[in-house]
PDB file of all heavy atoms in Angstrom:
ATOM      1  N   GLY A   1     -75.008  76.229 -97.957  1.00  0.00           N
ATOM      2  CA  GLY A   1     -74.756  76.519 -99.369  1.00  0.00           C
ATOM      3  C   GLY A   1     -75.480  77.747 -99.887  1.00  0.00           C
ATOM      4  O   GLY A   1     -75.270  78.146-101.038  1.00  0.00           O
ATOM      5  N   ARG A   2     -76.335  78.342 -99.059  1.00  0.00           N
ATOM      6  CA  ARG A   2     -77.050  79.550 -99.489  1.00  0.00           C
ATOM      7  C   ARG A   2     -76.196  80.790 -99.261  1.00  0.00           C
ATOM      8  O   ARG A   2     -75.269  80.800 -98.464  1.00  0.00           O
ATOM      9  CB  ARG A   2     -78.383  79.676 -98.729  1.00  0.00           C
ATOM     10  CG  ARG A   2     -79.305  78.474 -98.872  1.00  0.00           C
ATOM     11  CD  ARG A   2     -79.763  78.271-100.302  1.00  0.00           C
ATOM     12  NE  ARG A   2     -80.629  77.120-100.442  1.00  0.00           N
ATOM     13  CZ  ARG A   2     -81.951  77.130-100.288  1.00  0.00           C
ATOM     14  NH1 ARG A   2     -82.559  78.255 -99.954  1.00  0.00           N
ATOM     15  NH2 ARG A   2     -82.658  76.024-100.455  1.00  0.00           N
ATOM     16  N   SER A   3     -76.539  81.869 -99.943  1.00  0.00           N
ATOM     17  CA  SER A   3     -75.806  83.126 -99.787  1.00  0.00           C
ATOM     18  C   SER A   3     -76.170  83.790 -98.459  1.00  0.00           C
ATOM     19  O   SER A   3     -77.194  83.477 -97.837  1.00  0.00           O
ATOM     20  CB  SER A   3     -76.151  84.078-100.931  1.00  0.00           C
ATOM     21  OG  SER A   3     -77.510  84.497-100.830  1.00  0.00           O
ATOM     22  N   VAL A   4     -75.323  84.711 -98.045  1.00  0.00           N
ATOM     23  CA  VAL A   4     -75.598  85.466 -96.817  1.00  0.00           C
ATOM     24  C   VAL A   4     -76.938  86.186 -96.942  1.00  0.00           C
ATOM     25  O   VAL A   4     -77.754  86.195 -96.003  1.00  0.00           O
ATOM     26  CB  VAL A   4     -74.468  86.470 -96.529  1.00  0.00           C
ATOM     27  CG1 VAL A   4     -74.812  87.333 -95.305  1.00  0.00           C
ATOM     28  CG2 VAL A   4     -73.157  85.747 -96.310  1.00  0.00           C
ATOM     29  N   HIS A   5     -77.189  86.784 -98.088  1.00  0.00           N
ATOM     30  CA  HIS A   5     -78.438  87.517 -98.303  1.00  0.00           C
ATOM     31  C   HIS A   5     -79.650  86.592 -98.143  1.00  0.00           C
ATOM     32  O   HIS A   5     -80.645  86.956 -97.503  1.00  0.00           O
ATOM     33  CB  HIS A   5     -78.439  88.155 -99.691  1.00  0.00           C
ATOM     34  CG  HIS A   5     -79.648  88.991 -99.979  1.00  0.00           C
ATOM     35  ND1 HIS A   5     -79.851  90.218 -99.402  1.00  0.00           N
ATOM     36  CD2 HIS A   5     -80.732  88.762-100.789  1.00  0.00           C
ATOM     37  CE1 HIS A   5     -80.995  90.724 -99.827  1.00  0.00           C
ATOM     38  NE2 HIS A   5     -81.539  89.860-100.669  1.00  0.00           N
ATOM     39  N   THR A   6     -79.562  85.400 -98.706  1.00  0.00           N
ATOM     40  CA  THR A   6     -80.665  84.442 -98.596  1.00  0.00           C
ATOM     41  C   THR A   6     -80.877  84.021 -97.148  1.00  0.00           C
ATOM     42  O   THR A   6     -82.017  83.885 -96.685  1.00  0.00           O
ATOM     43  CB  THR A   6     -80.376  83.205 -99.464  1.00  0.00           C
ATOM     44  OG1 THR A   6     -80.230  83.610-100.826  1.00  0.00           O
ATOM     45  CG2 THR A   6     -81.504  82.184 -99.355  1.00  0.00           C
ATOM     46  N   ILE A   7     -79.774  83.825 -96.417  1.00  0.00           N
ATOM     47  CA  ILE A   7     -79.886  83.418 -95.017  1.00  0.00           C
ATOM     48  C   ILE A   7     -80.516  84.524 -94.180  1.00  0.00           C
ATOM     49  O   ILE A   7     -81.370  84.267 -93.323  1.00  0.00           O
ATOM     50  CB  ILE A   7     -78.491  83.023 -94.483  1.00  0.00           C
ATOM     51  CG1 ILE A   7     -78.023  81.722 -95.164  1.00  0.00           C
ATOM     52  CG2 ILE A   7     -78.503  82.861 -92.966  1.00  0.00           C
ATOM     53  CD1 ILE A   7     -76.580  81.372 -94.897  1.00  0.00           C
ATOM     54  N   LEU A   8     -80.125  85.767 -94.438  1.00  0.00           N
ATOM     55  CA  LEU A   8     -80.756  86.887 -93.730  1.00  0.00           C
ATOM     56  C   LEU A   8     -82.243  86.956 -94.049  1.00  0.00           C
ATOM     57  O   LEU A   8     -83.082  87.152 -93.151  1.00  0.00           O
ATOM     58  CB  LEU A   8     -80.079  88.199 -94.111  1.00  0.00           C
ATOM     59  CG  LEU A   8     -78.632  88.396 -93.630  1.00  0.00           C
ATOM     60  CD1 LEU A   8     -78.031  89.649 -94.256  1.00  0.00           C
ATOM     61  CD2 LEU A   8     -78.574  88.489 -92.110  1.00  0.00           C
ATOM     62  N   GLU A   9     -82.604  86.765 -95.321  1.00  0.00           N
ATOM     63  CA  GLU A   9     -84.014  86.812 -95.716  1.00  0.00           C
ATOM     64  C   GLU A   9     -84.813  85.653 -95.122  1.00  0.00           C
ATOM     65  O   GLU A   9     -86.026  85.765 -94.929  1.00  0.00           O
ATOM     66  CB  GLU A   9     -84.137  86.784 -97.240  1.00  0.00           C
ATOM     67  CG  GLU A   9     -83.788  88.113 -97.911  1.00  0.00           C
ATOM     68  CD  GLU A   9     -84.240  88.145 -99.360  1.00  0.00           C
ATOM     69  OE1 GLU A   9     -84.249  87.058 -99.995  1.00  0.00           O
ATOM     70  OE2 GLU A   9     -84.589  89.231 -99.859  1.00  0.00           O
ATOM     71  N   ALA A  10     -84.128  84.549 -94.819  1.00  0.00           N
ATOM     72  CA  ALA A  10     -84.802  83.396 -94.217  1.00  0.00           C
ATOM     73  C   ALA A  10     -85.165  83.630 -92.758  1.00  0.00           C
ATOM     74  O   ALA A  10     -85.883  82.823 -92.158  1.00  0.00           O
ATOM     75  CB  ALA A  10     -83.926  82.152 -94.345  1.00  0.00           C
ATOM     76  N   GLY A  11     -84.659  84.735 -92.186  1.00  0.00           N
ATOM     77  CA  GLY A  11     -85.039  85.075 -90.818  1.00  0.00           C
ATOM     78  C   GLY A  11     -83.939  84.911 -89.795  1.00  0.00           C
ATOM     79  O   GLY A  11     -84.220  84.622 -88.627  1.00  0.00           O
ATOM     80  N   VAL A  12     -82.694  85.119 -90.212  1.00  0.00           N
ATOM     81  CA  VAL A  12     -81.567  85.015 -89.286  1.00  0.00           C
ATOM     82  C   VAL A  12     -81.001  86.404 -89.014  1.00  0.00           C
ATOM     83  O   VAL A  12     -80.686  87.151 -89.945  1.00  0.00           O
ATOM     84  CB  VAL A  12     -80.459  84.098 -89.849  1.00  0.00           C
ATOM     85  CG1 VAL A  12     -79.292  84.003 -88.855  1.00  0.00           C
ATOM     86  CG2 VAL A  12     -81.006  82.707 -90.155  1.00  0.00           C
ATOM     87  N   GLY A  13     -80.886  86.744 -87.743  1.00  0.00           N
ATOM     88  CA  GLY A  13     -80.217  87.972 -87.333  1.00  0.00           C
ATOM     89  C   GLY A  13     -78.826  87.630 -86.841  1.00  0.00           C
ATOM     90  O   GLY A  13     -78.634  86.613 -86.172  1.00  0.00           O
ATOM     91  N   PHE A  14     -77.844  88.487 -87.153  1.00  0.00           N
ATOM     92  CA  PHE A  14     -76.459  88.142 -86.864  1.00  0.00           C
ATOM     93  C   PHE A  14     -75.722  89.323 -86.253  1.00  0.00           C
ATOM     94  O   PHE A  14     -75.603  90.392 -86.861  1.00  0.00           O
ATOM     95  CB  PHE A  14     -75.764  87.710 -88.166  1.00  0.00           C
ATOM     96  CG  PHE A  14     -74.328  87.278 -88.000  1.00  0.00           C
ATOM     97  CD1 PHE A  14     -73.943  86.454 -86.958  1.00  0.00           C
ATOM     98  CD2 PHE A  14     -73.363  87.713 -88.899  1.00  0.00           C
ATOM     99  CE1 PHE A  14     -72.622  86.048 -86.804  1.00  0.00           C
ATOM    100  CE2 PHE A  14     -72.028  87.320 -88.767  1.00  0.00           C
ATOM    101  CZ  PHE A  14     -71.658  86.481 -87.724  1.00  0.00           C
ATOM    102  N   VAL A  15     -75.223  89.133 -85.034  1.00  0.00           N
ATOM    103  CA  VAL A  15     -74.344  90.098 -84.383  1.00  0.00           C
ATOM    104  C   VAL A  15     -72.938  89.505 -84.447  1.00  0.00           C
ATOM    105  O   VAL A  15     -72.610  88.585 -83.711  1.00  0.00           O
ATOM    106  CB  VAL A  15     -74.751  90.340 -82.917  1.00  0.00           C
ATOM    107  CG1 VAL A  15     -73.791  91.333 -82.251  1.00  0.00           C
ATOM    108  CG2 VAL A  15     -76.180  90.849 -82.836  1.00  0.00           C
ATOM    109  N   PRO A  16     -72.071  89.996 -85.355  1.00  0.00           N
ATOM    110  CA  PRO A  16     -70.754  89.384 -85.543  1.00  0.00           C
ATOM    111  C   PRO A  16     -69.803  89.709 -84.399  1.00  0.00           C
ATOM    112  O   PRO A  16     -70.021  90.666 -83.647  1.00  0.00           O
ATOM    113  CB  PRO A  16     -70.259  89.998 -86.859  1.00  0.00           C
ATOM    114  CG  PRO A  16     -70.952  91.312 -86.926  1.00  0.00           C
ATOM    115  CD  PRO A  16     -72.291  91.130 -86.265  1.00  0.00           C
ATOM    116  N   GLU A  17     -68.738  88.907 -84.276  1.00  0.00           N
ATOM    117  CA  GLU A  17     -67.833  89.094 -83.147  1.00  0.00           C
ATOM    118  C   GLU A  17     -66.958  90.336 -83.297  1.00  0.00           C
ATOM    119  O   GLU A  17     -66.444  90.844 -82.302  1.00  0.00           O
ATOM    120  CB  GLU A  17     -66.969  87.857 -82.934  1.00  0.00           C
ATOM    121  CG  GLU A  17     -66.014  87.500 -84.041  1.00  0.00           C
ATOM    122  CD  GLU A  17     -65.211  86.255 -83.706  1.00  0.00           C
ATOM    123  OE1 GLU A  17     -65.804  85.184 -83.487  1.00  0.00           O
ATOM    124  OE2 GLU A  17     -63.984  86.361 -83.662  1.00  0.00           O
ATOM    125  N   ASP A  18     -66.780  90.834 -84.505  1.00  0.00           N
ATOM    126  CA  ASP A  18     -66.001  92.054 -84.716  1.00  0.00           C
ATOM    127  C   ASP A  18     -66.901  93.099 -85.358  1.00  0.00           C
ATOM    128  O   ASP A  18     -67.100  93.122 -86.564  1.00  0.00           O
ATOM    129  CB  ASP A  18     -64.790  91.778 -85.609  1.00  0.00           C
ATOM    130  CG  ASP A  18     -63.809  92.954 -85.656  1.00  0.00           C
ATOM    131  OD1 ASP A  18     -64.272  94.101 -85.497  1.00  0.00           O
ATOM    132  OD2 ASP A  18     -62.607  92.716 -85.837  1.00  0.00           O
ATOM    133  N   ARG A  19     -67.440  93.967 -84.533  1.00  0.00           N
ATOM    134  CA  ARG A  19     -68.424  94.935 -85.025  1.00  0.00           C
ATOM    135  C   ARG A  19     -67.820  95.942 -85.992  1.00  0.00           C
ATOM    136  O   ARG A  19     -68.483  96.398 -86.912  1.00  0.00           O
ATOM    137  CB  ARG A  19     -69.077  95.670 -83.856  1.00  0.00           C
ATOM    138  CG  ARG A  19     -68.097  96.417 -82.976  1.00  0.00           C
ATOM    139  CD  ARG A  19     -68.774  97.118 -81.805  1.00  0.00           C
ATOM    140  NE  ARG A  19     -67.789  97.564 -80.835  1.00  0.00           N
ATOM    141  CZ  ARG A  19     -67.395  96.844 -79.806  1.00  0.00           C
ATOM    142  NH1 ARG A  19     -67.897  95.642 -79.617  1.00  0.00           N
ATOM    143  NH2 ARG A  19     -66.490  97.297 -78.961  1.00  0.00           N
ATOM    144  N   THR A  20     -66.542  96.303 -85.787  1.00  0.00           N
ATOM    145  CA  THR A  20     -65.952  97.350 -86.612  1.00  0.00           C
ATOM    146  C   THR A  20     -65.677  96.878 -88.031  1.00  0.00           C
ATOM    147  O   THR A  20     -65.744  97.668 -88.980  1.00  0.00           O
ATOM    148  CB  THR A  20     -64.641  97.866 -85.989  1.00  0.00           C
ATOM    149  OG1 THR A  20     -63.736  96.767 -85.827  1.00  0.00           O
ATOM    150  CG2 THR A  20     -64.910  98.490 -84.632  1.00  0.00           C
ATOM    151  N   ILE A  21     -65.359  95.583 -88.198  1.00  0.00           N
ATOM    152  CA  ILE A  21     -65.056  95.055 -89.524  1.00  0.00           C
ATOM    153  C   ILE A  21     -66.277  94.432 -90.178  1.00  0.00           C
ATOM    154  O   ILE A  21     -66.543  94.624 -91.361  1.00  0.00           O
ATOM    155  CB  ILE A  21     -63.909  94.017 -89.435  1.00  0.00           C
ATOM    156  CG1 ILE A  21     -62.614  94.700 -88.977  1.00  0.00           C
ATOM    157  CG2 ILE A  21     -63.692  93.317 -90.783  1.00  0.00           C
ATOM    158  CD1 ILE A  21     -61.458  93.747 -88.763  1.00  0.00           C
ATOM    159  N   GLU A  22     -67.065  93.677 -89.403  1.00  0.00           N
ATOM    160  CA  GLU A  22     -68.158  92.892 -89.976  1.00  0.00           C
ATOM    161  C   GLU A  22     -69.538  93.437 -89.663  1.00  0.00           C
ATOM    162  O   GLU A  22     -70.506  93.063 -90.319  1.00  0.00           O
ATOM    163  CB  GLU A  22     -68.080  91.449 -89.457  1.00  0.00           C
ATOM    164  CG  GLU A  22     -66.772  90.749 -89.812  1.00  0.00           C
ATOM    165  CD  GLU A  22     -66.624  89.422 -89.088  1.00  0.00           C
ATOM    166  OE1 GLU A  22     -66.989  89.353 -87.892  1.00  0.00           O
ATOM    167  OE2 GLU A  22     -66.161  88.462 -89.712  1.00  0.00           O
ATOM    168  N   GLY A  23     -69.653  94.319 -88.658  1.00  0.00           N
ATOM    169  CA  GLY A  23     -70.971  94.734 -88.210  1.00  0.00           C
ATOM    170  C   GLY A  23     -71.407  96.100 -88.668  1.00  0.00           C
ATOM    171  O   GLY A  23     -72.605  96.363 -88.819  1.00  0.00           O
ATOM    172  N   LEU A  24     -70.441  96.987 -88.899  1.00  0.00           N
ATOM    173  CA  LEU A  24     -70.766  98.372 -89.204  1.00  0.00           C
ATOM    174  C   LEU A  24     -69.910  98.899 -90.348  1.00  0.00           C
ATOM    175  O   LEU A  24     -68.824  98.384 -90.611  1.00  0.00           O
ATOM    176  CB  LEU A  24     -70.511  99.265 -87.981  1.00  0.00           C
ATOM    177  CG  LEU A  24     -71.376  99.073 -86.743  1.00  0.00           C
ATOM    178  CD1 LEU A  24     -70.765  99.847 -85.585  1.00  0.00           C
ATOM    179  CD2 LEU A  24     -72.802  99.512 -86.991  1.00  0.00           C
TER     180      LEU A  24
END
């Protein structure tokens, strides 16, 4: 239920499956 920003700040690193759309 938390936002993406909050999850990133909580210490999660994410390499998405589609780098061109979601990663860069």
